[in-house]
Amino acid sequence: MDNTHAENLKLPDYFLADFNAKYTLNLNRTPVDFKLLVNNLFNKKYVNNGYVWDGPIYFSQAGINFLFGMSILFQ
């Protein structure tokens, strides 16, 4: 987290998995897309940023979260 390369100030490694799906439905020759995105699929607790002041300060990140979208192409 700083330029000293001190082992006790390194952030721990982490692995994240996401999921993304899309389905297209044609209604009267008009494509309608439905999209789903799941971030942090396994709800991993992790830190990806921080700094050192009086001691180490960490920024924890979001757990599992969902995004849903729909798009319609008008022609």
N, C-alpha and C. Protein backbone atom coordinates (compact mmCIF):
# COMPACT_ATOMS: atom_id res chain seq x y z
N MET A 1 0.82 -1.20 0.00
CA MET A 1 0.00 0.00 0.00
C MET A 1 0.86 1.26 0.00
N ASP A 2 2.15 1.10 0.19
CA ASP A 2 3.03 2.26 0.11
C ASP A 2 4.27 1.86 -0.68
N ASN A 3 5.26 2.69 -0.70
CA ASN A 3 6.45 2.42 -1.50
C ASN A 3 7.57 1.72 -0.73
N THR A 4 7.28 1.24 0.48
CA THR A 4 8.33 0.60 1.28
C THR A 4 8.47 -0.89 0.97
N HIS A 5 7.50 -1.49 0.30
CA HIS A 5 7.48 -2.93 0.00
C HIS A 5 7.46 -3.77 1.27
N ALA A 6 6.95 -3.23 2.35
CA ALA A 6 6.86 -3.97 3.61
C ALA A 6 5.81 -5.07 3.49
N GLU A 7 6.17 -6.28 3.89
CA GLU A 7 5.26 -7.43 3.79
C GLU A 7 3.97 -7.21 4.57
N ASN A 8 4.05 -6.56 5.72
CA ASN A 8 2.85 -6.38 6.55
C ASN A 8 1.90 -5.33 5.97
N LEU A 9 2.29 -4.63 4.92
CA LEU A 9 1.42 -3.63 4.30
C LEU A 9 0.91 -4.06 2.93
N LYS A 10 1.12 -5.32 2.59
CA LYS A 10 0.60 -5.84 1.33
C LYS A 10 -0.86 -6.21 1.49
N LEU A 11 -1.64 -5.98 0.45
CA LEU A 11 -3.04 -6.40 0.46
C LEU A 11 -3.10 -7.88 0.12
N PRO A 12 -4.03 -8.62 0.74
CA PRO A 12 -4.13 -10.05 0.44
C PRO A 12 -4.67 -10.29 -0.98
N ASP A 13 -4.22 -11.39 -1.59
CA ASP A 13 -4.72 -11.77 -2.90
C ASP A 13 -6.19 -12.17 -2.79
N TYR A 14 -6.90 -12.04 -3.89
CA TYR A 14 -8.30 -12.48 -3.91
C TYR A 14 -8.67 -12.89 -5.32
N PHE A 15 -9.72 -13.70 -5.43
CA PHE A 15 -10.26 -14.15 -6.70
C PHE A 15 -11.75 -13.88 -6.70
N LEU A 16 -12.26 -13.29 -7.77
CA LEU A 16 -13.68 -13.02 -7.89
C LEU A 16 -14.24 -13.73 -9.11
N ALA A 17 -15.49 -14.12 -9.03
CA ALA A 17 -16.19 -14.70 -10.16
C ALA A 17 -17.47 -13.89 -10.39
N ASP A 18 -17.73 -13.59 -11.64
CA ASP A 18 -18.94 -12.87 -12.03
C ASP A 18 -19.74 -13.73 -13.00
N PHE A 19 -20.99 -13.39 -13.19
CA PHE A 19 -21.86 -14.11 -14.12
C PHE A 19 -22.60 -13.09 -14.96
N ASN A 20 -22.69 -13.37 -16.26
CA ASN A 20 -23.35 -12.46 -17.18
C ASN A 20 -24.20 -13.29 -18.14
N ALA A 21 -25.46 -12.93 -18.31
CA ALA A 21 -26.35 -13.66 -19.23
C ALA A 21 -27.20 -12.66 -20.01
N LYS A 22 -27.53 -13.06 -21.23
CA LYS A 22 -28.37 -12.21 -22.09
C LYS A 22 -29.34 -13.10 -22.85
N TYR A 23 -30.58 -12.66 -22.95
CA TYR A 23 -31.60 -13.37 -23.71
C TYR A 23 -32.30 -12.38 -24.62
N THR A 24 -32.44 -12.74 -25.90
CA THR A 24 -33.10 -11.87 -26.86
C THR A 24 -34.44 -12.48 -27.24
N LEU A 25 -35.47 -11.67 -27.14
CA LEU A 25 -36.83 -12.05 -27.49
C LEU A 25 -37.27 -11.16 -28.63
N ASN A 26 -37.83 -11.76 -29.68
CA ASN A 26 -38.32 -10.98 -30.81
C ASN A 26 -39.83 -10.82 -30.71
N LEU A 27 -40.27 -9.59 -30.52
CA LEU A 27 -41.69 -9.27 -30.44
C LEU A 27 -42.07 -8.46 -31.67
N ASN A 28 -42.84 -9.06 -32.57
CA ASN A 28 -43.25 -8.38 -33.81
C ASN A 28 -42.03 -7.83 -34.55
N ARG A 29 -41.01 -8.64 -34.70
CA ARG A 29 -39.75 -8.29 -35.38
C ARG A 29 -38.98 -7.18 -34.68
N THR A 30 -39.29 -6.92 -33.44
CA THR A 30 -38.54 -5.95 -32.63
C THR A 30 -37.75 -6.71 -31.58
N PRO A 31 -36.41 -6.67 -31.66
CA PRO A 31 -35.62 -7.40 -30.66
C PRO A 31 -35.65 -6.72 -29.29
N VAL A 32 -35.92 -7.52 -28.29
CA VAL A 32 -35.91 -7.06 -26.90
C VAL A 32 -34.87 -7.90 -26.16
N ASP A 33 -33.85 -7.25 -25.63
CA ASP A 33 -32.78 -7.94 -24.90
C ASP A 33 -33.00 -7.82 -23.40
N PHE A 34 -32.86 -8.93 -22.71
CA PHE A 34 -32.88 -8.96 -21.25
C PHE A 34 -31.48 -9.37 -20.80
N LYS A 35 -30.92 -8.62 -19.86
CA LYS A 35 -29.54 -8.87 -19.42
C LYS A 35 -29.50 -9.00 -17.91
N LEU A 36 -28.67 -9.90 -17.44
CA LEU A 36 -28.46 -10.09 -16.01
C LEU A 36 -26.96 -10.16 -15.75
N LEU A 37 -26.50 -9.42 -14.76
CA LEU A 37 -25.10 -9.44 -14.35
C LEU A 37 -25.06 -9.64 -12.84
N VAL A 38 -24.31 -10.63 -12.42
CA VAL A 38 -24.10 -10.88 -10.99
C VAL A 38 -22.61 -10.67 -10.72
N ASN A 39 -22.30 -9.68 -9.92
CA ASN A 39 -20.91 -9.40 -9.54
C ASN A 39 -20.61 -10.07 -8.21
N ASN A 40 -19.38 -10.57 -8.05
CA ASN A 40 -18.93 -11.23 -6.82
C ASN A 40 -19.88 -12.38 -6.48
N LEU A 41 -19.97 -13.30 -7.42
CA LEU A 41 -20.93 -14.40 -7.38
C LEU A 41 -20.90 -15.20 -6.07
N PHE A 42 -19.73 -15.38 -5.49
CA PHE A 42 -19.62 -16.19 -4.26
C PHE A 42 -19.52 -15.33 -3.00
N ASN A 43 -19.87 -14.04 -3.13
CA ASN A 43 -19.93 -13.12 -2.00
C ASN A 43 -18.62 -13.08 -1.21
N LYS A 44 -17.51 -13.01 -1.93
CA LYS A 44 -16.17 -12.98 -1.32
C LYS A 44 -15.93 -11.64 -0.63
N LYS A 45 -15.46 -11.67 0.60
CA LYS A 45 -15.06 -10.44 1.30
C LYS A 45 -13.62 -10.14 0.90
N TYR A 46 -13.38 -8.94 0.37
CA TYR A 46 -12.04 -8.61 -0.10
C TYR A 46 -11.78 -7.11 0.00
N VAL A 47 -10.50 -6.78 -0.06
CA VAL A 47 -10.03 -5.40 0.00
C VAL A 47 -9.16 -5.20 -1.24
N ASN A 48 -9.42 -4.14 -2.00
CA ASN A 48 -8.59 -3.92 -3.19
C ASN A 48 -7.86 -2.58 -3.17
N ASN A 49 -7.97 -1.84 -2.06
CA ASN A 49 -7.34 -0.53 -2.00
C ASN A 49 -7.14 -0.13 -0.54
N GLY A 50 -6.21 0.75 -0.32
CA GLY A 50 -5.97 1.24 1.02
C GLY A 50 -4.81 2.21 1.03
N TYR A 51 -4.49 2.69 2.21
CA TYR A 51 -3.35 3.60 2.36
C TYR A 51 -2.83 3.50 3.79
N VAL A 52 -1.69 4.10 4.01
CA VAL A 52 -1.07 4.09 5.33
C VAL A 52 -0.99 5.52 5.82
N TRP A 53 -1.51 5.76 7.04
CA TRP A 53 -1.39 7.07 7.68
C TRP A 53 -0.80 6.82 9.05
N ASP A 54 -1.61 6.78 10.07
CA ASP A 54 -1.15 6.39 11.40
C ASP A 54 -1.02 4.87 11.49
N GLY A 55 -1.66 4.21 10.60
CA GLY A 55 -1.67 2.76 10.48
C GLY A 55 -2.35 2.44 9.16
N PRO A 56 -2.45 1.18 8.81
CA PRO A 56 -3.08 0.84 7.54
C PRO A 56 -4.60 1.10 7.56
N ILE A 57 -5.09 1.68 6.49
CA ILE A 57 -6.52 1.93 6.30
C ILE A 57 -6.94 1.16 5.06
N TYR A 58 -8.00 0.35 5.15
CA TYR A 58 -8.43 -0.50 4.05
C TYR A 58 -9.82 -0.09 3.57
N PHE A 59 -10.07 -0.31 2.29
CA PHE A 59 -11.38 -0.06 1.70
C PHE A 59 -11.98 -1.39 1.29
N SER A 60 -12.94 -1.88 2.07
CA SER A 60 -13.59 -3.14 1.71
C SER A 60 -14.52 -2.89 0.53
N GLN A 61 -14.75 -3.94 -0.25
CA GLN A 61 -15.53 -3.82 -1.47
C GLN A 61 -16.89 -4.50 -1.32
N ALA A 62 -17.74 -4.26 -2.31
CA ALA A 62 -19.12 -4.75 -2.27
C ALA A 62 -19.17 -6.27 -2.31
N GLY A 63 -20.14 -6.81 -1.61
CA GLY A 63 -20.43 -8.24 -1.69
C GLY A 63 -21.18 -8.52 -2.98
N ILE A 64 -21.91 -9.60 -3.00
CA ILE A 64 -22.66 -9.96 -4.19
C ILE A 64 -23.65 -8.85 -4.54
N ASN A 65 -23.75 -8.54 -5.82
CA ASN A 65 -24.72 -7.55 -6.27
C ASN A 65 -25.22 -7.92 -7.66
N PHE A 66 -26.42 -7.45 -7.97
CA PHE A 66 -27.11 -7.84 -9.19
C PHE A 66 -27.46 -6.62 -10.02
N LEU A 67 -27.34 -6.75 -11.32
CA LEU A 67 -27.78 -5.71 -12.24
C LEU A 67 -28.67 -6.38 -13.29
N PHE A 68 -29.79 -5.76 -13.55
CA PHE A 68 -30.71 -6.27 -14.56
C PHE A 68 -30.96 -5.16 -15.56
N GLY A 69 -31.00 -5.51 -16.83
CA GLY A 69 -31.25 -4.50 -17.85
C GLY A 69 -32.13 -5.04 -18.95
N MET A 70 -32.75 -4.12 -19.64
CA MET A 70 -33.58 -4.46 -20.78
C MET A 70 -33.36 -3.40 -21.85
N SER A 71 -33.22 -3.82 -23.09
CA SER A 71 -33.08 -2.85 -24.17
C SER A 71 -33.98 -3.26 -25.33
N ILE A 72 -34.53 -2.26 -25.98
CA ILE A 72 -35.42 -2.46 -27.13
C ILE A 72 -34.86 -1.67 -28.29
N LEU A 73 -34.73 -2.34 -29.44
CA LEU A 73 -34.23 -1.68 -30.63
C LEU A 73 -35.41 -1.29 -31.51
N PHE A 74 -35.68 0.00 -31.59
CA PHE A 74 -36.76 0.49 -32.44
C PHE A 74 -36.21 0.74 -33.84
N GLN A 75 -36.91 0.22 -34.84
CA GLN A 75 -36.44 0.40 -36.22
C GLN A 75 -37.47 1.13 -37.04
